[in-house]
């Protein structure tokens, strides 16, 4: 049964055009900027980066509810680092 399913999918052809959905937060980490820049400087860098990739994709930023999520701990960790950096100035 497994081999039958495997054969079915390995011989399937892809559609003539593909459109990808990309995580915008992940893509934002691929852009290089200095720590002194704000969003007014980062956004044009981000847009240039995306335009170089082509047009066969959509960028999606997922929001977070007020409730706890799987990323809550990571957000808190990063926020504590930001508070330490701001306090040094």
C-alpha atoms as a PDB file:
ATOM      1  CA  UNK A   1       0.000   0.000   0.000  1.00  0.00           C
ATOM      2  CA  UNK A   2       2.830   2.389   0.914  1.00  0.00           C
ATOM      3  CA  UNK A   3       4.596   1.807  -2.407  1.00  0.00           C
ATOM      4  CA  UNK A   4       1.370   2.445  -4.298  1.00  0.00           C
ATOM      5  CA  UNK A   5       0.896   5.802  -2.586  1.00  0.00           C
ATOM      6  CA  UNK A   6       4.555   6.674  -3.040  1.00  0.00           C
ATOM      7  CA  UNK A   7       4.405   5.938  -6.785  1.00  0.00           C
ATOM      8  CA  UNK A   8       1.295   8.087  -7.105  1.00  0.00           C
ATOM      9  CA  UNK A   9       3.039  11.125  -5.617  1.00  0.00           C
ATOM     10  CA  UNK A  10       6.487  10.705  -7.110  1.00  0.00           C
ATOM     11  CA  UNK A  11       5.057  10.685 -10.632  1.00  0.00           C
ATOM     12  CA  UNK A  12       2.665  13.586 -10.080  1.00  0.00           C
ATOM     13  CA  UNK A  13       3.507  16.725 -12.025  1.00  0.00           C
ATOM     14  CA  UNK A  14       3.618  20.163 -10.490  1.00  0.00           C
ATOM     15  CA  UNK A  15       1.208  22.839 -11.676  1.00  0.00           C
ATOM     16  CA  UNK A  16       2.617  25.150 -14.388  1.00  0.00           C
ATOM     17  CA  UNK A  17       2.743  28.100 -11.969  1.00  0.00           C
ATOM     18  CA  UNK A  18       3.479  27.986  -8.284  1.00  0.00           C
ATOM     19  CA  UNK A  19       2.669  30.603  -5.666  1.00  0.00           C
ATOM     20  CA  UNK A  20       4.328  30.410  -2.263  1.00  0.00           C
ATOM     21  CA  UNK A  21       3.164  31.844   1.057  1.00  0.00           C
ATOM     22  CA  UNK A  22       6.117  33.055   3.136  1.00  0.00           C
ATOM     23  CA  UNK A  23       6.333  33.929   6.841  1.00  0.00           C
ATOM     24  CA  UNK A  24       7.087  37.661   6.926  1.00  0.00           C
ATOM     25  CA  UNK A  25       8.748  37.504  10.337  1.00  0.00           C
ATOM     26  CA  UNK A  26      11.179  34.881   9.117  1.00  0.00           C
ATOM     27  CA  UNK A  27      11.970  36.918   6.007  1.00  0.00           C
ATOM     28  CA  UNK A  28      12.557  40.029   8.116  1.00  0.00           C
ATOM     29  CA  UNK A  29      15.433  38.207   9.816  1.00  0.00           C
ATOM     30  CA  UNK A  30      17.084  37.716   6.405  1.00  0.00           C
ATOM     31  CA  UNK A  31      17.529  41.482   5.865  1.00  0.00           C
ATOM     32  CA  UNK A  32      20.744  43.048   7.165  1.00  0.00           C
ATOM     33  CA  UNK A  33      20.510  46.351   9.003  1.00  0.00           C
ATOM     34  CA  UNK A  34      22.423  48.104  11.726  1.00  0.00           C
ATOM     35  CA  UNK A  35      21.070  48.206  15.255  1.00  0.00           C
ATOM     36  CA  UNK A  36      20.781  51.990  15.125  1.00  0.00           C
ATOM     37  CA  UNK A  37      18.188  51.891  12.316  1.00  0.00           C
ATOM     38  CA  UNK A  38      14.492  52.285  12.923  1.00  0.00           C
ATOM     39  CA  UNK A  39      11.578  50.905  10.889  1.00  0.00           C
ATOM     40  CA  UNK A  40      11.693  53.893   8.505  1.00  0.00           C
ATOM     41  CA  UNK A  41      15.141  52.674   7.385  1.00  0.00           C
ATOM     42  CA  UNK A  42      14.486  48.941   7.659  1.00  0.00           C
ATOM     43  CA  UNK A  43      11.254  48.838   5.649  1.00  0.00           C
ATOM     44  CA  UNK A  44      12.828  49.973   2.325  1.00  0.00           C
ATOM     45  CA  UNK A  45      15.623  47.399   2.829  1.00  0.00           C
ATOM     46  CA  UNK A  46      12.981  44.735   3.418  1.00  0.00           C
ATOM     47  CA  UNK A  47      10.996  45.728   0.325  1.00  0.00           C
ATOM     48  CA  UNK A  48      14.136  45.718  -1.855  1.00  0.00           C
ATOM     49  CA  UNK A  49      15.025  42.277  -0.524  1.00  0.00           C
ATOM     50  CA  UNK A  50      11.567  40.912  -1.356  1.00  0.00           C
ATOM     51  CA  UNK A  51      11.522  42.476  -4.832  1.00  0.00           C
ATOM     52  CA  UNK A  52      14.811  40.744  -5.670  1.00  0.00           C
ATOM     53  CA  UNK A  53      13.189  37.387  -4.879  1.00  0.00           C
ATOM     54  CA  UNK A  54      10.523  37.785  -7.567  1.00  0.00           C
ATOM     55  CA  UNK A  55       6.746  37.818  -7.490  1.00  0.00           C
ATOM     56  CA  UNK A  56       5.694  34.185  -7.082  1.00  0.00           C
ATOM     57  CA  UNK A  57       4.984  34.559  -3.371  1.00  0.00           C
ATOM     58  CA  UNK A  58       2.864  36.354  -0.798  1.00  0.00           C
ATOM     59  CA  UNK A  59       4.278  37.550   2.515  1.00  0.00           C
ATOM     60  CA  UNK A  60       2.108  36.974   5.571  1.00  0.00           C
ATOM     61  CA  UNK A  61       2.587  38.353   9.076  1.00  0.00           C
ATOM     62  CA  UNK A  62       0.631  36.350  11.608  1.00  0.00           C
ATOM     63  CA  UNK A  63      -0.687  38.210  14.596  1.00  0.00           C
ATOM     64  CA  UNK A  64      -0.798  37.024  18.152  1.00  0.00           C
ATOM     65  CA  UNK A  65      -3.771  36.964  20.454  1.00  0.00           C
ATOM     66  CA  UNK A  66      -3.686  38.396  23.923  1.00  0.00           C
ATOM     67  CA  UNK A  67      -3.555  34.839  25.267  1.00  0.00           C
ATOM     68  CA  UNK A  68      -0.384  32.839  25.721  1.00  0.00           C
ATOM     69  CA  UNK A  69       1.102  31.337  22.574  1.00  0.00           C
ATOM     70  CA  UNK A  70       3.980  29.036  21.775  1.00  0.00           C
ATOM     71  CA  UNK A  71       6.186  32.094  21.239  1.00  0.00           C
ATOM     72  CA  UNK A  72       5.368  33.904  24.492  1.00  0.00           C
ATOM     73  CA  UNK A  73       8.560  32.793  26.244  1.00  0.00           C
ATOM     74  CA  UNK A  74      10.712  33.912  23.301  1.00  0.00           C
ATOM     75  CA  UNK A  75       8.981  37.315  23.185  1.00  0.00           C
ATOM     76  CA  UNK A  76       9.588  37.816  26.900  1.00  0.00           C
ATOM     77  CA  UNK A  77      13.251  36.814  26.536  1.00  0.00           C
ATOM     78  CA  UNK A  78      13.815  39.280  23.703  1.00  0.00           C
ATOM     79  CA  UNK A  79      11.941  42.043  25.520  1.00  0.00           C
ATOM     80  CA  UNK A  80      14.180  41.612  28.570  1.00  0.00           C
ATOM     81  CA  UNK A  81      17.265  42.038  26.357  1.00  0.00           C
ATOM     82  CA  UNK A  82      15.781  45.184  24.811  1.00  0.00           C
ATOM     83  CA  UNK A  83      15.086  46.649  28.242  1.00  0.00           C
ATOM     84  CA  UNK A  84      18.721  46.071  29.214  1.00  0.00           C
ATOM     85  CA  UNK A  85      20.001  47.778  26.058  1.00  0.00           C
ATOM     86  CA  UNK A  86      17.713  50.777  26.512  1.00  0.00           C
ATOM     87  CA  UNK A  87      18.726  51.120  30.179  1.00  0.00           C
ATOM     88  CA  UNK A  88      22.407  51.441  29.195  1.00  0.00           C
ATOM     89  CA  UNK A  89      21.840  54.676  27.262  1.00  0.00           C
END
